Protein backbone atom coordinates (compact mmCIF):
# COMPACT_ATOMS: atom_id res chain seq x y z
CA MET A 1 -1.08 90.44 9.89
CA LYS A 2 0.32 88.50 12.84
CA GLN A 3 -1.70 85.41 11.90
CA ILE A 4 -0.45 85.59 8.33
CA LYS A 5 3.14 85.67 9.60
CA ILE A 6 2.47 82.70 11.86
CA TRP A 7 1.08 80.62 8.99
CA LEU A 8 3.91 81.64 6.69
CA GLU A 9 6.34 80.41 9.35
CA ALA A 10 4.44 77.12 9.51
CA MET A 11 4.79 76.78 5.73
CA ARG A 12 8.60 77.02 6.18
CA LEU A 13 9.08 79.16 3.09
CA ARG A 14 12.86 78.88 3.25
CA THR A 15 12.58 75.16 2.43
CA LEU A 16 10.31 75.52 -0.62
CA PRO A 17 13.18 75.89 -3.11
CA VAL A 18 13.70 72.16 -2.59
CA SER A 19 10.39 71.22 -4.22
CA MET A 20 10.61 74.02 -6.80
CA SER A 21 14.06 73.00 -8.00
CA GLY A 22 13.07 69.51 -9.10
CA VAL A 23 10.25 70.72 -11.31
CA LEU A 24 12.30 73.63 -12.72
CA MET A 25 15.08 71.23 -13.68
CA ALA A 26 12.60 68.97 -15.47
CA ILE A 27 11.12 72.00 -17.26
CA GLY A 28 14.55 73.11 -18.41
CA ILE A 29 15.52 69.72 -19.82
CA ALA A 30 12.17 69.32 -21.58
CA ALA A 31 12.46 72.81 -23.07
CA TRP A 32 16.02 72.13 -24.27
CA GLN A 33 14.74 69.04 -26.07
CA GLY A 34 11.80 70.89 -27.60
CA ARG A 35 9.21 69.01 -25.53
CA PHE A 36 8.05 71.74 -23.17
CA LYS A 37 4.33 72.30 -22.47
CA TRP A 38 3.13 75.12 -20.21
CA ALA A 39 0.02 73.51 -18.71
CA PRO A 40 1.54 70.32 -17.22
CA ALA A 41 4.65 72.26 -16.19
CA LEU A 42 2.63 74.74 -14.12
CA LEU A 43 0.50 71.95 -12.65
CA CYS A 44 3.63 70.04 -11.62
CA LEU A 45 5.04 73.14 -9.95
CA VAL A 46 1.83 73.87 -8.03
CA PHE A 47 1.50 70.22 -6.99
CA ALA A 48 5.10 70.07 -5.76
CA LEU A 49 4.75 73.25 -3.69
CA LEU A 50 1.43 72.20 -2.16
CA ALA A 51 2.77 68.74 -1.31
CA GLN A 52 5.78 70.23 0.46
CA VAL A 53 3.67 72.74 2.37
CA ALA A 54 1.37 69.90 3.46
CA SER A 55 4.44 67.92 4.52
CA ASN A 56 5.77 70.89 6.51
CA PHE A 57 2.41 71.34 8.23
CA ALA A 58 2.23 67.61 9.00
CA ASN A 59 5.76 67.61 10.37
CA GLU A 60 4.97 70.48 12.73
CA TYR A 61 1.66 68.97 13.86
CA TYR A 62 2.91 65.45 14.50
CA ASP A 63 6.16 66.60 16.11
CA TYR A 64 3.97 68.62 18.47
CA LYS A 65 1.78 65.60 19.18
CA LYS A 66 4.85 63.49 19.94
CA GLY A 67 6.33 66.21 22.15
CA THR A 68 9.40 66.57 19.93
CA ASP A 69 9.08 70.35 19.57
CA LYS A 70 9.20 72.38 22.76
CA LYS A 71 8.71 76.04 23.55
CA GLY A 72 11.84 78.10 23.11
CA ARG A 73 13.38 75.57 20.70
CA VAL A 74 16.64 76.42 18.95
CA GLY A 75 15.08 76.20 15.50
CA PRO A 76 12.51 78.56 13.99
CA ARG A 77 9.38 79.27 16.02
CA ARG A 78 6.62 76.67 15.78
CA GLY A 79 3.15 78.22 15.96
CA VAL A 80 1.33 75.22 17.35
CA THR A 81 4.01 74.61 20.00
CA GLU A 82 3.94 78.24 21.12
CA GLY A 83 0.14 78.26 21.26
CA ASP A 84 -0.35 80.56 18.26
CA ILE A 85 -2.16 77.87 16.23
CA LYS A 86 -4.66 75.41 17.62
CA PRO A 87 -3.53 71.81 17.03
CA THR A 88 -6.86 70.82 15.49
CA THR A 89 -6.69 73.80 13.13
CA LEU A 90 -3.20 72.85 11.96
CA ARG A 91 -4.30 69.24 11.50
CA ASN A 92 -7.31 70.27 9.42
CA VAL A 93 -5.28 72.68 7.29
CA THR A 94 -2.69 69.95 6.74
CA TYR A 95 -5.24 67.55 5.30
CA LEU A 96 -6.97 70.30 3.34
CA THR A 97 -3.67 71.32 1.73
CA LEU A 98 -2.91 67.71 0.91
CA ALA A 99 -6.38 67.29 -0.61
CA VAL A 100 -5.88 70.34 -2.82
CA ALA A 101 -2.48 68.97 -3.89
CA CYS A 102 -4.14 65.67 -4.82
CA ALA A 103 -6.80 67.54 -6.83
CA VAL A 104 -4.07 69.38 -8.74
CA GLY A 105 -2.30 66.07 -9.27
CA CYS A 106 -5.47 64.59 -10.80
CA CYS A 107 -5.37 67.39 -13.38
CA LEU A 108 -2.12 65.86 -14.63
CA ILE A 109 -3.80 62.59 -15.65
CA PRO A 110 -4.61 63.84 -19.19
CA TYR A 111 -0.88 64.48 -19.68
CA GLY A 112 0.63 61.53 -17.84
CA GLY A 113 -2.09 58.91 -18.12
CA TRP A 114 -3.65 56.81 -15.42
CA LYS A 115 -0.28 55.23 -14.63
CA ILE A 116 0.78 58.35 -12.71
CA ILE A 117 -1.92 57.76 -10.08
CA PRO A 118 0.22 55.28 -8.03
CA VAL A 119 3.02 57.87 -8.01
CA GLY A 120 0.66 60.52 -6.69
CA VAL A 121 -0.72 58.18 -4.04
CA LEU A 122 2.82 57.30 -2.95
CA ILE A 123 3.75 60.98 -2.67
CA ALA A 124 0.63 61.75 -0.63
CA ALA A 125 1.32 58.81 1.66
CA CYS A 126 4.92 59.94 2.14
CA VAL A 127 3.74 63.43 3.17
CA LEU A 128 2.23 61.82 6.25
CA ALA A 129 4.55 58.82 6.69
CA TYR A 130 7.51 61.16 7.10
CA SER A 131 6.28 62.24 10.54
CA THR A 132 3.54 59.84 11.62
CA GLY A 133 2.15 56.36 11.22
CA PRO A 134 3.41 53.07 12.66
CA TYR A 135 6.96 53.78 11.45
CA PRO A 136 7.53 57.53 10.96
CA LEU A 137 10.46 57.79 8.57
CA SER A 138 12.07 60.88 10.07
CA TYR A 139 12.19 59.18 13.48
CA HIS A 140 14.14 56.17 12.18
CA GLY A 141 17.03 57.74 10.30
CA LEU A 142 15.26 57.62 6.93
CA GLY A 143 14.57 61.31 6.50
CA GLU A 144 17.53 61.93 4.20
CA PHE A 145 16.70 58.94 2.00
CA THR A 146 13.09 60.13 1.79
CA VAL A 147 14.14 63.62 0.74
CA PHE A 148 16.54 62.21 -1.88
CA LEU A 149 13.77 60.09 -3.34
CA PHE A 150 10.69 62.31 -3.04
CA TYR A 151 12.29 65.73 -3.49
CA GLY A 152 14.84 64.66 -6.06
CA VAL A 153 14.35 61.46 -8.04
CA VAL A 154 10.54 61.37 -8.14
CA PRO A 155 9.71 65.02 -8.91
CA VAL A 156 12.29 65.43 -11.68
CA ILE A 157 11.54 62.14 -13.44
CA ALA A 158 7.77 62.36 -12.94
CA SER A 159 7.61 66.03 -13.98
CA TYR A 160 9.68 65.36 -17.08
CA TYR A 161 7.46 62.38 -17.87
CA VAL A 162 4.21 64.36 -17.92
CA ILE A 163 5.74 67.43 -19.58
CA ALA A 164 7.58 65.49 -22.31
CA ASP A 165 4.73 63.36 -23.69
CA GLN A 166 5.09 60.43 -21.30
CA SER A 167 8.75 59.75 -21.96
CA PHE A 168 11.83 59.08 -19.86
CA ASP A 169 15.28 60.53 -20.35
CA ALA A 170 18.77 59.66 -19.10
CA LEU A 171 19.68 63.30 -18.46
CA ALA A 172 16.52 63.82 -16.41
CA THR A 173 17.45 60.76 -14.35
CA LEU A 174 20.93 62.12 -13.64
CA ALA A 175 19.49 65.56 -12.84
CA SER A 176 17.03 63.95 -10.43
CA MET A 177 19.94 62.64 -8.37
CA THR A 178 21.62 66.06 -8.51
CA ILE A 179 18.51 67.66 -7.04
CA GLY A 180 18.21 64.81 -4.55
CA PHE A 181 21.71 65.31 -3.13
CA MET A 182 21.18 69.06 -2.89
CA GLY A 183 17.83 68.61 -1.15
CA VAL A 184 19.29 66.21 1.39
CA ASN A 185 21.71 68.93 2.50
CA VAL A 186 18.81 71.20 3.44
CA LEU A 187 17.51 68.52 5.78
CA LEU A 188 21.00 67.81 7.09
CA VAL A 189 21.37 71.41 8.27
CA ASN A 190 17.99 71.19 9.99
CA ASN A 191 18.84 67.94 11.77
CA TYR A 192 22.40 69.08 12.52
CA ARG A 193 20.96 72.07 14.39
CA ASP A 194 18.28 70.03 16.18
CA MET A 195 20.43 67.02 17.11
CA ASP A 196 20.39 67.58 20.86
CA ASP A 197 16.65 68.27 21.03
CA ASP A 198 15.87 65.34 18.73
CA LYS A 199 18.04 62.98 20.77
CA GLU A 200 16.29 64.01 23.97
CA ALA A 201 12.88 63.51 22.34
CA GLY A 202 13.77 60.09 20.92
CA LYS A 203 13.73 61.27 17.30
CA ASN A 204 16.53 59.21 15.79
CA THR A 205 17.49 61.22 12.75
CA ALA A 206 20.60 60.23 10.80
CA VAL A 207 22.49 63.03 12.57
CA VAL A 208 21.46 61.65 15.96
CA ILE A 209 22.55 58.18 14.92
CA PHE A 210 25.89 59.09 13.30
CA GLY A 211 26.74 62.40 14.95
CA ARG A 212 27.49 65.91 13.75
CA GLN A 213 30.99 65.15 12.47
CA LEU A 214 29.77 62.57 9.96
CA ALA A 215 26.84 64.85 9.08
CA SER A 216 29.33 67.58 8.19
CA VAL A 217 31.27 65.15 5.99
CA ALA A 218 28.02 64.05 4.36
CA TYR A 219 27.06 67.66 3.66
CA MET A 220 30.31 68.29 1.80
CA PHE A 221 30.10 64.95 -0.04
CA ASN A 222 26.52 65.53 -1.16
CA GLY A 223 27.36 68.88 -2.74
CA PHE A 224 30.15 67.49 -4.86
CA MET A 225 28.16 64.36 -5.74
CA ALA A 226 25.30 66.59 -6.90
CA ILE A 227 27.58 68.25 -9.45
CA ALA A 228 29.29 64.96 -10.37
CA MET A 229 25.95 63.41 -11.31
CA LEU A 230 25.76 65.79 -14.27
CA SER A 231 29.30 65.02 -15.50
CA PRO A 232 28.04 63.87 -18.95
CA LEU A 233 26.33 67.23 -19.36
CA TRP A 234 29.48 69.16 -18.39
CA VAL A 235 31.37 67.17 -21.05
CA ILE A 236 28.74 68.08 -23.64
CA VAL A 237 29.07 71.75 -22.73
CA TYR A 238 32.88 71.62 -22.89
CA ILE A 239 33.19 69.92 -26.27
CA GLY A 240 29.93 71.17 -27.77
CA ASP A 241 29.23 73.72 -30.46
CA LYS A 242 26.52 76.33 -30.92
CA THR A 243 23.84 73.62 -31.10
CA THR A 244 24.45 72.60 -27.50
CA LEU A 245 24.41 74.51 -24.24
CA PRO A 246 26.39 77.78 -23.96
CA LYS A 247 29.78 77.77 -22.27
CA TRP A 248 28.47 80.03 -19.51
CA THR A 249 26.48 77.01 -18.27
CA PHE A 250 29.62 76.29 -16.23
CA VAL A 251 28.68 79.29 -14.08
CA ALA A 252 26.06 77.08 -12.40
CA PRO A 253 28.36 74.41 -10.90
CA VAL A 254 31.11 76.94 -10.12
CA ILE A 255 28.82 79.27 -8.18
CA TYR A 256 27.12 76.35 -6.47
CA LEU A 257 30.38 74.81 -5.25
CA ILE A 258 31.80 78.14 -4.06
CA PHE A 259 28.75 78.81 -1.92
CA HIS A 260 28.54 75.15 -0.92
CA VAL A 261 32.05 75.15 0.56
CA ALA A 262 31.42 78.53 2.24
CA ILE A 263 28.21 77.29 3.88
CA TRP A 264 29.93 74.07 4.94
CA SER A 265 32.66 76.11 6.63
CA MET A 266 30.04 78.12 8.53
CA LEU A 267 28.27 74.88 9.46
CA ASN A 268 31.41 73.72 11.26
CA HIS A 269 31.87 76.95 13.17
CA ARG A 270 28.36 77.71 14.36
CA GLN A 271 26.04 76.35 17.03
CA GLY A 272 22.43 76.70 18.10
CA ALA A 273 20.31 79.47 16.58
CA ARG A 274 23.27 80.71 14.52
CA LEU A 275 22.74 77.65 12.30
CA ASN A 276 19.24 78.77 11.29
CA PRO A 277 20.32 80.99 8.36
CA LEU A 278 22.38 78.15 6.89
CA LEU A 279 19.26 76.13 6.13
CA GLY A 280 17.87 78.93 4.00
CA LEU A 281 21.26 79.57 2.38
CA THR A 282 21.57 75.90 1.42
CA ALA A 283 18.11 75.98 -0.17
CA ILE A 284 18.82 79.28 -1.95
CA ASN A 285 22.12 77.93 -3.30
CA MET A 286 20.19 74.98 -4.70
CA LEU A 287 17.61 77.26 -6.31
CA ILE A 288 20.26 79.56 -7.82
CA PHE A 289 21.94 76.55 -9.43
CA THR A 290 18.61 75.36 -10.82
CA ILE A 291 17.63 78.77 -12.19
CA ILE A 292 20.97 79.20 -13.95
CA MET A 293 20.58 75.73 -15.47
CA LEU A 294 17.01 76.55 -16.50
CA LEU A 295 18.22 79.70 -18.27
CA ALA A 296 20.99 77.76 -20.00
CA PHE A 297 18.50 75.16 -21.20
CA VAL A 298 15.99 77.67 -22.59
CA VAL A 299 18.32 80.27 -24.15
């Protein structure tokens, strides 16, 4: 039981709503347009979750190798750093998880065609490039941009593409940026908490480079930009009739922004380990928004 808990911690379950939300948003839009297919939708969801778990494993392993994570760190416990997981075991499980994700991704070829292979290769490469390689992205202030792109833009557009008969859609593109901005805030909380440790270890995250004050401003800005990206949809809901989305769709942005501002306020008044719950709350707020939108799309 203890080992299971250790591995669940390494998976960083509280961050998984980030990868889930992009696929769920694409599913909702495709369903609303009458283009939904169960098989590619489920495959996209499994692929997204496996890719993020592999990325979380890789991040823990390579941060350990670089000496970034230390025992007794402010953030959640790291099994390999505390000696609960052997480094070689974590490395092997990382690559095994990534291989399984790639295998699932190959199952999407009948739905998306061979042209989706470069996208899959790019995602797999990013899983590792985020934390390692000649220019690890998270160590050079590019973590937030990477999350925006690979947890927002790419998963929503790519998932919609394979679910909706190899087509693109303007609404899916706008929604991809919504999910991207929300996902970036999850990483911002993480890096906001770890700024001092990261700075000492030479990990130049955006928060290390620009400071906590600007990170706080960015957190607030991202939340409102996420909702603003879907402005055309809010207009459709407001002026629409029974053939469009229900009026209660507005519950999604209202609830999101209420919790967003509340979490931001706590972000500015907490330090150290007290920031840990805010990462999960930011991810949950993102998932709640996505689920409400999914329900609105499919009702």
